[in-house]
Amino acid sequence: MAKLKTQYVCQECGKRSPKPMGRCTQCGEWNTYIEEVVEKASSKRAPRGLSARSQPQRLSEIGGESEDRIALSIEEFARVLGGGVVPGSVVLIGGDPGIGKSTLLLQTAIEMARAGTVLYVSGEESETQIKMRATRLMRSKENGADFPEDLYLVTETSLEIILEHVDNIKPDLLIVDSIQTTYLSALESSAGSVTQVRECSSRLRELAKSQGTAVFLIGHVTKEGNIAGPRVLEHIVDTVLYLEGDRFQSYRLLRSVKNRFGATSEVGVFEMQEGGMVEVSNPSEAFLAERMVNAAGSAIAVTMEGTRPLLVEVQGLTSATSFGNPRRTPNGVDFNRLLLITAVLTRRMGLKLAEQDVFVNVVGGLKVGEPAADLAVAAAIASSMKDQSVKADSVLIGEIGLSGELRMVSQMSARLNEAAKLGFKTAIVPKRLRKGEPWPKDIKVVEARTLRQALDGAMVQE
């Protein structure tokens, strides 16, 4: 009997090594090498490809000038995908456990099965569990538990058997929950390993491109929040979506980080309810619904999530420290950005924050990463320190420099139009030094060159 050859594969980046290593030389992670059996190449194996006979064609002779998308009634999901589901596309959805990935895709399966055939494959739940969730989702509908006829469920982890089901049913949409539980029996490695994930994804991609079946894959995430497995998995698929949000908050954000059929960085907002994931058509209004008007330490920022402007409440709190080193505790904003803003307020505005613990919170569980929220964060901290409230009908937009100057941010017109639509009367923005499109007429724009001017205009004068 021939001796089996083994190799060691990093489960983070996929680097191969003939011997085990404590630390991967490519990605730098520790204890990620797993022993796997090397599959021998067979000379009798038929060549694989996206079609049986691939022939080069002239670009002018290829049809499909317009995208033929499958409509989705879940508008937030359709917008993140770029307008609907593209036949033959492969979509990967990742997110923390319990965040709502399976619920969202089951809702999508129910909706799409009314116009086509859908096969839902689960390797983690039984058909009974999926039926119970589907019944709960359908109870919120007007027609009760009226399930579509062309929605098929199966519990299976073997990719060979899954492909047999696909050949028999010929679905328009295939959902695999999850790609880490799927395996090929021809490979010796266990399910979820780098080799299995990469090979199963490649087979499903070939299925999608050759038969025009749209494929949705659910992927597990690591403790850092990235999709588990090699990065090549994200390169294989057409679209990568992340479902984000605090498990203790009801709001969920579906974020696009890669999309070959639409704009990246798009965001859809959902609310987790008993009837499933309910889309939020006006998220800014929802995030500001419980705001306390004229409360010290509160300011409104306008941030861009993809192409959509969102108004969020930024809260700041200062408290005399009990320790030698005051704490800086951010929730929803970058820690280093908070240190920068605190330093500018101390050095340029004369606020004695070296003796204060500073806490900053973005309401609703959102994470604001762009510098356009700097001015709102600074206003919230200064408002709490001085115990003066920020004007209730004002929004603050701008990036703060180390000299205390305000800098312009992108897509200012879209931000101002969204603020005006929600009833805000004043916007405090950086002074425009270059000519551009005129400000919207529905909101009063106050331009400020420095942080001091902006805070003087934003605070309610007692």
Protein backbone atom coordinates (compact mmCIF):
# COMPACT_ATOMS: atom_id res chain seq x y z
CA MET A 1 0.00 0.00 0.00
CA ALA A 2 1.34 3.40 -0.98
CA LYS A 3 2.20 5.71 1.85
CA LEU A 4 -0.14 8.67 2.23
CA LYS A 5 1.46 12.05 1.79
CA THR A 6 0.47 14.78 4.19
CA GLN A 7 0.99 18.52 4.33
CA TYR A 8 0.18 21.26 6.80
CA VAL A 9 -2.16 24.07 5.77
CA CYS A 10 -2.75 27.37 7.57
CA GLN A 11 -6.45 27.72 8.34
CA GLU A 12 -6.28 31.52 8.09
CA CYS A 13 -4.51 32.21 4.80
CA GLY A 14 -4.14 28.77 3.16
CA LYS A 15 -0.32 28.66 3.09
CA ARG A 16 1.06 25.12 2.76
CA SER A 17 4.08 23.73 4.57
CA PRO A 18 5.69 20.25 4.58
CA LYS A 19 6.05 20.39 8.37
CA PRO A 20 4.07 21.97 11.22
CA MET A 21 4.94 25.52 12.21
CA GLY A 22 4.00 27.42 15.34
CA ARG A 23 3.49 30.71 13.51
CA CYS A 24 2.47 31.20 9.91
CA THR A 25 5.13 33.06 7.94
CA GLN A 26 2.51 34.58 5.60
CA CYS A 27 -0.30 35.86 7.85
CA GLY A 28 1.53 35.86 11.19
CA GLU A 29 -1.15 33.89 13.09
CA TRP A 30 -0.19 31.35 15.74
CA ASN A 31 -1.19 27.64 15.91
CA THR A 32 -3.23 27.66 12.69
CA TYR A 33 -1.54 24.77 10.82
CA ILE A 34 -3.65 21.62 10.39
CA GLU A 35 -2.44 18.35 8.89
CA GLU A 36 -4.20 17.37 5.67
CA VAL A 37 -3.79 14.47 3.27
CA VAL A 38 -2.51 15.39 -0.20
CA GLU A 39 -4.89 14.25 -2.94
CA LYS A 40 -3.08 12.49 -5.77
CA ALA A 41 -3.72 13.86 -9.23
CA SER A 42 -5.34 11.29 -11.49
CA SER A 43 -4.40 11.14 -15.15
CA LYS A 44 -7.88 9.82 -16.00
CA ARG A 45 -9.71 12.74 -14.43
CA ALA A 46 -11.80 14.72 -16.91
CA PRO A 47 -10.88 18.38 -17.26
CA ARG A 48 -13.14 20.72 -15.30
CA GLY A 49 -14.51 23.94 -16.64
CA LEU A 50 -17.50 26.25 -16.56
CA SER A 51 -18.96 24.53 -19.62
CA ALA A 52 -18.34 21.30 -21.53
CA ARG A 53 -17.06 23.08 -24.64
CA SER A 54 -15.83 26.57 -24.03
CA GLN A 55 -15.22 28.54 -27.24
CA PRO A 56 -13.88 32.10 -27.56
CA GLN A 57 -16.44 34.58 -28.88
CA ARG A 58 -16.26 38.11 -30.18
CA LEU A 59 -17.36 40.63 -27.58
CA SER A 60 -19.77 42.21 -30.07
CA GLU A 61 -21.51 38.84 -30.60
CA ILE A 62 -22.15 38.12 -26.93
CA GLY A 63 -25.71 38.79 -25.79
CA GLY A 64 -26.95 40.09 -22.43
CA GLU A 65 -26.53 43.83 -22.85
CA SER A 66 -28.93 44.50 -19.97
CA GLU A 67 -28.86 42.82 -16.57
CA ASP A 68 -31.69 40.33 -16.11
CA ARG A 69 -32.23 40.50 -12.37
CA ILE A 70 -34.74 38.59 -10.27
CA ALA A 71 -36.89 41.08 -8.35
CA LEU A 72 -36.95 40.93 -4.55
CA SER A 73 -39.81 42.25 -2.44
CA ILE A 74 -37.34 42.91 0.40
CA GLU A 75 -36.23 46.30 -0.92
CA GLU A 76 -33.37 46.83 1.54
CA PHE A 77 -31.84 43.48 0.56
CA ALA A 78 -32.38 44.16 -3.15
CA ARG A 79 -30.70 47.57 -2.91
CA VAL A 80 -27.60 46.14 -1.23
CA LEU A 81 -27.38 43.48 -3.97
CA GLY A 82 -27.54 46.23 -6.60
CA GLY A 83 -31.21 46.01 -7.57
CA GLY A 84 -32.05 42.32 -7.29
CA VAL A 85 -30.62 38.81 -7.62
CA VAL A 86 -28.51 38.19 -10.72
CA PRO A 87 -28.95 34.66 -12.17
CA GLY A 88 -25.68 32.75 -12.00
CA SER A 89 -24.24 34.90 -9.22
CA VAL A 90 -22.65 33.59 -6.01
CA VAL A 91 -23.35 35.63 -2.86
CA LEU A 92 -21.56 35.06 0.46
CA ILE A 93 -23.20 36.33 3.68
CA GLY A 94 -21.24 36.41 6.94
CA GLY A 95 -22.04 37.54 10.45
CA ASP A 96 -21.83 36.65 14.12
CA PRO A 97 -23.80 33.64 15.42
CA GLY A 98 -27.44 34.51 16.11
CA ILE A 99 -27.30 37.80 14.20
CA GLY A 100 -30.04 36.73 11.75
CA LYS A 101 -28.31 35.33 8.64
CA SER A 102 -30.46 32.20 8.36
CA THR A 103 -33.63 34.15 9.13
CA LEU A 104 -32.95 36.70 6.41
CA LEU A 105 -32.18 34.05 3.79
CA LEU A 106 -35.23 31.97 4.76
CA GLN A 107 -37.39 35.05 4.25
CA THR A 108 -35.71 35.56 0.88
CA ALA A 109 -36.33 31.91 -0.03
CA ILE A 110 -40.04 32.19 0.81
CA GLU A 111 -40.43 35.35 -1.26
CA MET A 112 -38.48 34.07 -4.28
CA ALA A 113 -40.27 30.69 -4.26
CA ARG A 114 -43.48 32.47 -5.28
CA ALA A 115 -41.92 33.24 -8.68
CA GLY A 116 -39.42 30.39 -9.10
CA THR A 117 -37.96 27.24 -7.58
CA VAL A 118 -35.81 27.48 -4.45
CA LEU A 119 -33.72 24.79 -2.73
CA TYR A 120 -32.67 25.52 0.86
CA VAL A 121 -29.84 23.25 2.04
CA SER A 122 -28.96 23.25 5.74
CA GLY A 123 -26.09 21.44 7.36
CA GLU A 124 -26.77 22.81 10.83
CA GLU A 125 -30.54 22.46 11.35
CA SER A 126 -33.12 19.78 10.63
CA GLU A 127 -36.09 20.25 8.31
CA THR A 128 -38.36 20.44 11.37
CA GLN A 129 -36.39 23.34 12.87
CA ILE A 130 -36.46 25.23 9.57
CA LYS A 131 -40.22 24.57 9.24
CA MET A 132 -40.81 25.96 12.74
CA ARG A 133 -38.91 29.15 11.90
CA ALA A 134 -40.72 29.48 8.58
CA THR A 135 -44.09 29.08 10.32
CA ARG A 136 -43.18 31.83 12.76
CA LEU A 137 -42.17 34.08 9.88
CA MET A 138 -45.37 33.39 7.96
CA ARG A 139 -47.60 34.19 10.95
CA SER A 140 -46.71 37.85 10.50
CA LYS A 141 -47.98 37.77 6.93
CA GLU A 142 -51.54 38.57 5.99
CA ASN A 143 -52.09 35.21 4.30
CA GLY A 144 -50.95 33.21 7.33
CA ALA A 145 -48.90 30.04 6.87
CA ASP A 146 -49.46 29.76 3.13
CA PHE A 147 -46.13 28.31 2.03
CA PRO A 148 -45.15 28.44 -1.65
CA GLU A 149 -45.20 25.14 -3.50
CA ASP A 150 -41.74 25.45 -5.06
CA LEU A 151 -39.75 25.86 -1.83
CA TYR A 152 -37.73 22.70 -1.06
CA LEU A 153 -35.81 22.00 2.17
CA VAL A 154 -33.12 19.38 2.75
CA THR A 155 -30.60 18.69 5.49
CA GLU A 156 -27.36 17.60 3.85
CA THR A 157 -23.62 18.24 4.16
CA SER A 158 -22.22 16.13 1.30
CA LEU A 159 -21.68 18.33 -1.74
CA GLU A 160 -22.02 15.38 -4.13
CA ILE A 161 -25.54 14.66 -2.83
CA ILE A 162 -26.40 18.37 -2.88
CA LEU A 163 -25.44 18.57 -6.54
CA GLU A 164 -27.64 15.54 -7.25
CA HIS A 165 -30.59 17.34 -5.63
CA VAL A 166 -29.84 20.38 -7.77
CA ASP A 167 -29.86 18.24 -10.94
CA ASN A 168 -33.24 16.75 -9.98
CA ILE A 169 -35.00 19.95 -8.83
CA LYS A 170 -33.20 22.48 -11.08
CA PRO A 171 -33.78 25.44 -8.73
CA ASP A 172 -33.50 29.11 -9.66
CA LEU A 173 -32.00 29.82 -6.23
CA LEU A 174 -29.78 27.57 -4.09
CA ILE A 175 -29.09 28.48 -0.45
CA VAL A 176 -26.33 26.63 1.43
CA ASP A 177 -26.26 27.05 5.22
CA SER A 178 -23.36 26.95 5.78
CA ILE A 179 -20.34 26.53 3.51
CA GLN A 180 -18.19 25.45 6.50
CA THR A 181 -20.38 22.36 7.09
CA THR A 182 -20.25 21.23 3.44
CA TYR A 183 -17.62 18.69 2.36
CA LEU A 184 -16.45 16.62 -0.59
CA SER A 185 -15.90 12.94 0.16
CA ALA A 186 -13.01 12.82 -2.34
CA LEU A 187 -10.95 14.99 0.03
CA GLU A 188 -9.49 13.51 3.19
CA SER A 189 -9.66 16.72 5.23
CA SER A 190 -12.57 17.48 7.54
CA ALA A 191 -15.42 19.86 6.80
CA GLY A 192 -14.55 23.51 7.40
CA SER A 193 -10.87 23.13 6.55
CA VAL A 194 -9.19 25.37 4.04
CA THR A 195 -9.14 22.69 1.34
CA GLN A 196 -12.80 21.75 1.78
CA VAL A 197 -14.08 25.32 1.88
CA ARG A 198 -12.07 26.33 -1.18
CA GLU A 199 -13.02 23.26 -3.24
CA CYS A 200 -16.72 23.30 -2.30
CA SER A 201 -16.97 27.00 -3.14
CA SER A 202 -15.30 26.43 -6.50
CA ARG A 203 -17.73 23.61 -7.36
CA LEU A 204 -20.72 25.76 -6.43
CA ARG A 205 -19.34 28.62 -8.51
CA GLU A 206 -19.05 26.31 -11.52
CA LEU A 207 -22.64 25.23 -10.94
CA ALA A 208 -23.85 28.84 -10.82
CA LYS A 209 -21.99 29.96 -13.94
CA SER A 210 -22.81 26.91 -16.06
CA GLN A 211 -26.51 26.52 -15.18
CA GLY A 212 -27.48 30.11 -14.30
CA THR A 213 -28.53 29.21 -10.75
CA ALA A 214 -28.13 31.95 -8.16
CA VAL A 215 -26.25 30.61 -5.13
CA PHE A 216 -26.33 32.09 -1.63
CA LEU A 217 -23.71 30.86 0.86
CA ILE A 218 -23.71 31.50 4.61
CA GLY A 219 -20.24 31.74 6.11
CA HIS A 220 -19.08 31.53 9.71
CA VAL A 221 -16.93 34.34 11.08
CA THR A 222 -13.86 34.33 13.28
CA LYS A 223 -13.55 36.11 16.61
CA GLU A 224 -12.14 39.11 14.74
CA GLY A 225 -15.36 39.32 12.69
CA ASN A 226 -13.91 38.10 9.38
CA ILE A 227 -15.36 35.21 7.40
CA ALA A 228 -13.68 31.99 8.52
CA GLY A 229 -11.45 30.20 6.04
CA PRO A 230 -8.97 31.48 3.49
CA ARG A 231 -9.33 34.88 1.85
CA VAL A 232 -9.59 33.09 -1.47
CA LEU A 233 -13.20 32.27 -0.52
CA GLU A 234 -14.10 35.95 -0.83
CA HIS A 235 -12.35 36.12 -4.21
CA ILE A 236 -14.30 33.16 -5.58
CA VAL A 237 -17.76 34.63 -4.99
CA ASP A 238 -19.31 37.62 -6.78
CA THR A 239 -20.73 39.42 -3.76
CA VAL A 240 -19.69 39.51 -0.09
CA LEU A 241 -22.20 40.79 2.48
CA TYR A 242 -21.79 41.20 6.23
CA LEU A 243 -24.74 41.28 8.63
CA GLU A 244 -23.68 43.48 11.51
CA GLY A 245 -25.19 44.75 14.73
CA ASP A 246 -25.21 44.33 18.47
CA ARG A 247 -27.01 41.16 19.54
CA PHE A 248 -28.61 43.15 22.36
CA GLN A 249 -29.92 45.78 19.91
CA SER A 250 -32.81 45.22 17.52
CA TYR A 251 -31.21 46.91 14.50
CA ARG A 252 -29.11 45.01 11.95
CA LEU A 253 -27.00 46.44 9.14
CA LEU A 254 -26.45 44.43 5.95
CA ARG A 255 -23.23 45.82 4.50
CA SER A 256 -21.78 45.11 1.05
CA VAL A 257 -17.98 44.96 0.89
CA LYS A 258 -17.70 43.39 -2.57
CA ASN A 259 -20.23 43.41 -5.40
CA ARG A 260 -19.52 42.67 -9.06
CA PHE A 261 -23.07 43.65 -9.99
CA GLY A 262 -23.55 46.84 -7.99
CA ALA A 263 -21.99 49.50 -5.80
CA THR A 264 -19.87 48.47 -2.85
CA SER A 265 -20.26 49.93 0.66
CA GLU A 266 -24.06 49.87 0.33
CA VAL A 267 -25.97 49.31 3.57
CA GLY A 268 -29.44 47.97 4.26
CA VAL A 269 -31.06 48.50 7.66
CA PHE A 270 -33.29 45.88 9.30
CA GLU A 271 -34.96 45.46 12.65
CA MET A 272 -35.14 42.04 14.26
CA GLN A 273 -38.72 41.36 15.35
CA GLU A 274 -40.78 38.28 16.17
CA GLY A 275 -41.84 38.09 12.53
CA GLY A 276 -38.23 38.07 11.31
CA MET A 277 -36.05 40.76 9.77
CA VAL A 278 -38.22 43.80 9.04
CA GLU A 279 -36.69 46.40 6.74
CA VAL A 280 -36.38 49.96 8.04
CA SER A 281 -37.20 52.34 5.21
CA ASN A 282 -36.23 55.49 7.15
CA PRO A 283 -33.41 54.49 9.51
CA SER A 284 -32.50 58.06 10.49
CA GLU A 285 -35.96 58.64 11.92
CA ALA A 286 -35.78 55.35 13.80
CA PHE A 287 -32.39 56.13 15.33
CA LEU A 288 -33.58 59.54 16.55
CA ALA A 289 -36.99 58.42 17.84
CA GLU A 290 -36.00 58.23 21.53
CA ARG A 291 -33.76 61.27 21.57
CA MET A 292 -34.06 63.64 24.53
CA VAL A 293 -34.27 67.16 23.14
CA ASN A 294 -32.12 69.86 24.79
CA ALA A 295 -30.18 67.32 26.87
CA ALA A 296 -26.56 68.20 27.57
CA GLY A 297 -24.05 65.89 25.93
CA SER A 298 -26.07 65.09 22.81
CA ALA A 299 -25.36 66.07 19.20
CA ILE A 300 -26.58 64.92 15.79
CA ALA A 301 -24.10 63.70 13.17
CA VAL A 302 -24.80 62.92 9.51
CA THR A 303 -22.77 59.92 8.37
CA MET A 304 -22.71 58.18 4.99
CA GLU A 305 -23.29 54.43 4.84
CA GLY A 306 -22.55 53.66 1.21
CA THR A 307 -24.68 56.06 -0.81
CA ARG A 308 -27.20 56.57 1.99
CA PRO A 309 -26.93 59.42 4.51
CA LEU A 310 -27.86 58.48 8.08
CA LEU A 311 -28.55 60.82 10.98
CA VAL A 312 -27.35 59.40 14.29
CA GLU A 313 -27.26 60.73 17.82
CA VAL A 314 -23.81 60.98 19.38
CA GLN A 315 -23.77 61.14 23.18
CA GLY A 316 -20.87 62.37 25.27
CA LEU A 317 -20.32 62.27 29.02
CA THR A 318 -17.49 63.64 31.13
CA SER A 319 -16.95 62.71 34.76
CA ALA A 320 -14.23 63.57 37.24
CA THR A 321 -11.71 60.73 37.23
CA SER A 322 -10.87 58.71 40.32
CA PHE A 323 -7.58 57.48 38.90
CA GLY A 324 -4.30 59.02 37.82
CA ASN A 325 -4.94 58.29 34.15
CA PRO A 326 -8.40 59.34 32.93
CA ARG A 327 -10.32 56.81 30.85
CA ARG A 328 -11.44 57.26 27.24
CA THR A 329 -14.30 54.87 26.49
CA PRO A 330 -15.80 54.91 22.96
CA ASN A 331 -18.79 52.88 21.81
CA GLY A 332 -19.40 53.14 18.07
CA VAL A 333 -16.47 55.46 17.26
CA ASP A 334 -12.78 54.74 16.72
CA PHE A 335 -10.70 54.86 19.90
CA ASN A 336 -7.77 56.69 18.28
CA ARG A 337 -10.17 59.21 16.76
CA LEU A 338 -11.60 59.90 20.22
CA LEU A 339 -8.09 60.49 21.59
CA LEU A 340 -7.41 62.97 18.78
CA ILE A 341 -10.63 64.91 19.39
CA THR A 342 -10.03 64.95 23.15
CA ALA A 343 -6.52 66.30 22.65
CA VAL A 344 -7.76 69.08 20.34
CA LEU A 345 -10.49 70.07 22.83
CA THR A 346 -7.90 70.21 25.61
CA ARG A 347 -5.19 72.08 23.71
CA ARG A 348 -7.21 74.37 21.41
CA MET A 349 -10.41 74.91 23.40
CA GLY A 350 -8.95 74.98 26.91
CA LEU A 351 -11.22 72.24 28.28
CA LYS A 352 -9.58 70.48 31.26
CA LEU A 353 -10.27 66.96 30.03
CA ALA A 354 -7.04 65.64 31.59
CA GLU A 355 -9.00 65.44 34.85
CA GLN A 356 -12.11 63.87 33.29
CA ASP A 357 -13.16 60.41 32.19
CA VAL A 358 -14.70 60.72 28.71
CA PHE A 359 -17.39 58.40 27.40
CA VAL A 360 -18.79 58.57 23.86
CA ASN A 361 -21.70 56.49 22.56
CA VAL A 362 -23.41 56.24 19.17
CA VAL A 363 -27.07 55.44 19.77
CA GLY A 364 -28.56 52.38 18.06
CA GLY A 365 -25.47 50.16 18.05
CA LEU A 366 -24.07 51.79 14.91
CA LYS A 367 -20.35 52.11 14.22
CA VAL A 368 -19.25 55.41 12.69
CA GLY A 369 -15.83 55.19 11.08
CA GLU A 370 -15.66 58.30 8.91
CA PRO A 371 -14.18 61.62 10.16
CA ALA A 372 -17.34 63.56 9.23
CA ALA A 373 -18.66 62.80 12.72
CA ASP A 374 -15.69 64.51 14.44
CA LEU A 375 -17.55 67.78 14.98
CA ALA A 376 -20.58 66.04 16.50
CA VAL A 377 -18.34 64.03 18.86
CA ALA A 378 -16.49 67.18 19.94
CA ALA A 379 -19.78 69.04 20.47
CA ALA A 380 -21.19 66.21 22.59
CA ILE A 381 -18.09 66.15 24.81
CA ALA A 382 -17.96 69.95 25.16
CA SER A 383 -21.69 70.08 25.85
CA SER A 384 -21.36 67.61 28.71
CA MET A 385 -18.28 69.38 30.09
CA LYS A 386 -19.93 72.81 30.08
CA ASP A 387 -23.40 71.43 30.92
CA GLN A 388 -24.82 73.35 27.95
CA SER A 389 -27.07 71.68 25.43
CA VAL A 390 -26.58 71.73 21.68
CA LYS A 391 -29.37 73.36 19.68
CA ALA A 392 -32.03 70.72 19.13
CA ASP A 393 -32.68 71.61 15.48
CA SER A 394 -29.01 71.56 14.42
CA VAL A 395 -26.79 68.94 12.82
CA LEU A 396 -23.00 69.08 12.88
CA ILE A 397 -20.84 67.87 10.00
CA GLY A 398 -17.09 68.21 9.65
CA GLU A 399 -13.64 66.76 10.18
CA ILE A 400 -11.39 68.24 12.86
CA GLY A 401 -7.70 68.93 12.24
CA LEU A 402 -4.96 69.04 14.87
CA SER A 403 -4.81 72.83 14.64
CA GLY A 404 -8.47 73.10 15.57
CA GLU A 405 -9.57 73.83 12.00
CA LEU A 406 -12.59 72.25 10.30
CA ARG A 407 -12.21 70.41 7.02
CA MET A 408 -14.80 69.70 4.36
CA VAL A 409 -16.15 66.16 3.86
CA SER A 410 -17.60 64.44 0.80
CA GLN A 411 -21.24 64.32 -0.36
CA MET A 412 -22.22 67.36 1.66
CA SER A 413 -25.36 68.08 -0.38
CA ALA A 414 -26.78 64.60 0.20
CA ARG A 415 -26.16 64.95 3.95
CA LEU A 416 -27.85 68.34 4.13
CA ASN A 417 -30.86 67.21 2.09
CA GLU A 418 -31.39 64.26 4.43
CA ALA A 419 -31.20 66.55 7.48
CA ALA A 420 -33.69 68.98 5.95
CA LYS A 421 -36.06 66.12 5.11
CA LEU A 422 -36.16 65.13 8.80
CA GLY A 423 -37.01 68.67 9.92
CA PHE A 424 -33.64 70.05 11.05
CA LYS A 425 -33.36 73.80 10.50
CA THR A 426 -29.62 74.48 10.86
CA ALA A 427 -26.45 72.72 9.77
CA ILE A 428 -23.01 73.71 11.06
CA VAL A 429 -20.41 72.80 8.47
CA PRO A 430 -16.79 73.72 7.61
CA LYS A 431 -16.28 76.95 5.68
CA ARG A 432 -16.14 76.25 1.99
CA LEU A 433 -12.93 77.66 0.50
CA ARG A 434 -13.53 76.40 -3.03
CA LYS A 435 -16.51 77.04 -5.26
CA GLY A 436 -19.01 74.22 -5.47
CA GLU A 437 -22.69 73.51 -5.94
CA PRO A 438 -25.00 75.78 -3.93
CA TRP A 439 -26.25 74.73 -0.52
CA PRO A 440 -29.81 73.33 -0.29
CA LYS A 441 -32.43 76.02 0.35
CA ASP A 442 -34.46 74.01 2.87
CA ILE A 443 -31.88 74.26 5.63
CA LYS A 444 -29.82 77.14 7.03
CA VAL A 445 -26.11 76.45 6.59
CA VAL A 446 -23.71 78.04 9.08
CA GLU A 447 -20.08 77.90 7.95
CA ALA A 448 -17.29 77.81 10.53
CA ARG A 449 -13.55 77.91 9.95
CA THR A 450 -12.45 76.65 13.39
CA LEU A 451 -13.77 74.33 16.05
CA ARG A 452 -14.27 77.25 18.43
CA GLN A 453 -16.55 79.05 15.96
CA ALA A 454 -18.56 75.88 15.36
CA LEU A 455 -19.10 75.17 19.05
CA ASP A 456 -20.06 78.79 19.75
CA GLY A 457 -22.71 78.54 17.05
CA ALA A 458 -23.95 75.12 18.15
CA MET A 459 -24.38 75.68 21.90
CA VAL A 460 -27.54 77.11 23.40
CA GLN A 461 -26.51 80.44 24.96
CA GLU A 462 -27.80 80.85 28.50
